[in-house]
C-alpha atoms as a PDB file:
ATOM      1  CA  SER A   1     111.907  -3.267  24.191  1.00  0.00           C
ATOM      2  CA  VAL A   2     115.502  -4.455  24.536  1.00  0.00           C
ATOM      3  CA  SER A   3     116.828  -6.898  27.152  1.00  0.00           C
ATOM      4  CA  GLN A   4     120.202  -6.119  28.696  1.00  0.00           C
ATOM      5  CA  GLY A   5     121.794  -8.106  31.577  1.00  0.00           C
ATOM      6  CA  GLY A   6     118.379  -9.155  32.992  1.00  0.00           C
ATOM      7  CA  TYR A   7     116.915  -5.786  32.606  1.00  0.00           C
ATOM      8  CA  ILE A   8     114.273  -4.721  29.996  1.00  0.00           C
ATOM      9  CA  PHE A   9     114.563  -1.323  28.498  1.00  0.00           C
ATOM     10  CA  THR A  10     111.261   0.005  26.870  1.00  0.00           C
ATOM     11  CA  ASP A  11     110.076   3.299  25.407  1.00  0.00           C
ATOM     12  CA  GLU A  12     106.668   4.353  26.852  1.00  0.00           C
ATOM     13  CA  SER A  13     104.720   7.411  27.463  1.00  0.00           C
ATOM     14  CA  LEU A  14     103.129   8.838  30.550  1.00  0.00           C
ATOM     15  CA  ASN A  15     101.238  12.156  30.796  1.00  0.00           C
ATOM     16  CA  ASN A  16     101.993  12.837  27.007  1.00  0.00           C
ATOM     17  CA  LYS A  17     105.746  12.584  27.753  1.00  0.00           C
ATOM     18  CA  ASP A  18     108.030   9.963  26.167  1.00  0.00           C
ATOM     19  CA  LEU A  19     109.815   7.855  28.779  1.00  0.00           C
ATOM     20  CA  ARG A  20     112.612   5.299  28.776  1.00  0.00           C
ATOM     21  CA  VAL A  21     111.759   2.640  31.427  1.00  0.00           C
ATOM     22  CA  VAL A  22     114.051   0.115  32.808  1.00  0.00           C
ATOM     23  CA  ARG A  23     112.468  -3.034  34.491  1.00  0.00           C
ATOM     24  CA  ASN A  24     114.012  -5.916  36.176  1.00  0.00           C
ATOM     25  CA  SER A  25     113.218  -9.522  35.391  1.00  0.00           C
ATOM     26  CA  SER A  26     110.046  -9.306  37.685  1.00  0.00           C
ATOM     27  CA  ARG A  27     108.858  -6.477  35.508  1.00  0.00           C
ATOM     28  CA  GLN A  28     109.370  -3.962  38.437  1.00  0.00           C
ATOM     29  CA  THR A  29     110.401  -0.460  37.346  1.00  0.00           C
ATOM     30  CA  VAL A  30     113.961   0.249  38.559  1.00  0.00           C
ATOM     31  CA  LEU A  31     114.520   3.418  36.621  1.00  0.00           C
ATOM     32  CA  LEU A  32     112.678   5.825  34.299  1.00  0.00           C
ATOM     33  CA  TYR A  33     113.600   9.160  32.730  1.00  0.00           C
ATOM     34  CA  SER A  34     112.133  11.721  30.413  1.00  0.00           C
ATOM     35  CA  PHE A  35     113.267  14.913  28.892  1.00  0.00           C
ATOM     36  CA  ILE A  36     110.449  17.366  29.808  1.00  0.00           C
ATOM     37  CA  ASP A  37     111.962  20.149  27.887  1.00  0.00           C
ATOM     38  CA  LYS A  38     115.236  20.887  26.186  1.00  0.00           C
ATOM     39  CA  ASN A  39     116.911  21.711  29.592  1.00  0.00           C
ATOM     40  CA  ILE A  40     115.220  19.456  32.129  1.00  0.00           C
ATOM     41  CA  ILE A  41     115.181  15.737  32.680  1.00  0.00           C
ATOM     42  CA  ILE A  42     113.340  13.930  35.312  1.00  0.00           C
ATOM     43  CA  ILE A  43     114.920  10.664  36.590  1.00  0.00           C
ATOM     44  CA  THR A  44     113.209   8.534  39.052  1.00  0.00           C
ATOM     45  CA  SER A  45     112.163   4.888  39.916  1.00  0.00           C
ATOM     46  CA  ASN A  46     108.525   5.509  40.348  1.00  0.00           C
ATOM     47  CA  GLU A  47     105.696   6.553  37.884  1.00  0.00           C
ATOM     48  CA  ASN A  48     103.845   8.389  40.530  1.00  0.00           C
ATOM     49  CA  THR A  49     106.888  10.404  41.503  1.00  0.00           C
ATOM     50  CA  PHE A  50     107.485  11.227  37.846  1.00  0.00           C
ATOM     51  CA  SER A  51     103.808  12.390  37.399  1.00  0.00           C
ATOM     52  CA  ALA A  52     104.065  14.565  40.666  1.00  0.00           C
ATOM     53  CA  LEU A  53     107.242  16.204  39.438  1.00  0.00           C
ATOM     54  CA  LEU A  54     105.865  16.844  35.939  1.00  0.00           C
ATOM     55  CA  ASN A  55     102.753  18.315  37.322  1.00  0.00           C
ATOM     56  CA  LYS A  56     104.724  20.772  39.625  1.00  0.00           C
ATOM     57  CA  TYR A  57     106.898  21.696  36.719  1.00  0.00           C
ATOM     58  CA  LEU A  58     103.884  22.410  34.488  1.00  0.00           C
ATOM     59  CA  ILE A  59     102.047  24.368  37.176  1.00  0.00           C
ATOM     60  CA  GLY A  60     105.194  26.341  37.719  1.00  0.00           C
ATOM     61  CA  LYS A  61     105.345  27.287  34.031  1.00  0.00           C
ATOM     62  CA  MET A  62     101.671  28.392  34.046  1.00  0.00           C
ATOM     63  CA  VAL A  63     102.260  30.698  37.018  1.00  0.00           C
ATOM     64  CA  LYS A  64     105.104  32.646  35.332  1.00  0.00           C
END
């Protein structure tokens, strides 16, 4: 983890995807992003939203 201007940047994983997470000094997530494939990045401020978008993407790939 790296601290920059009161924000903490960490590398984490969620649902087997690598994430970069930015938290404020209260450890609340303010931004997270992940490249889910070579053409798509998900950027959000909420882990639940990330999981929901990732699941929709994966389900869409299975349907094709």
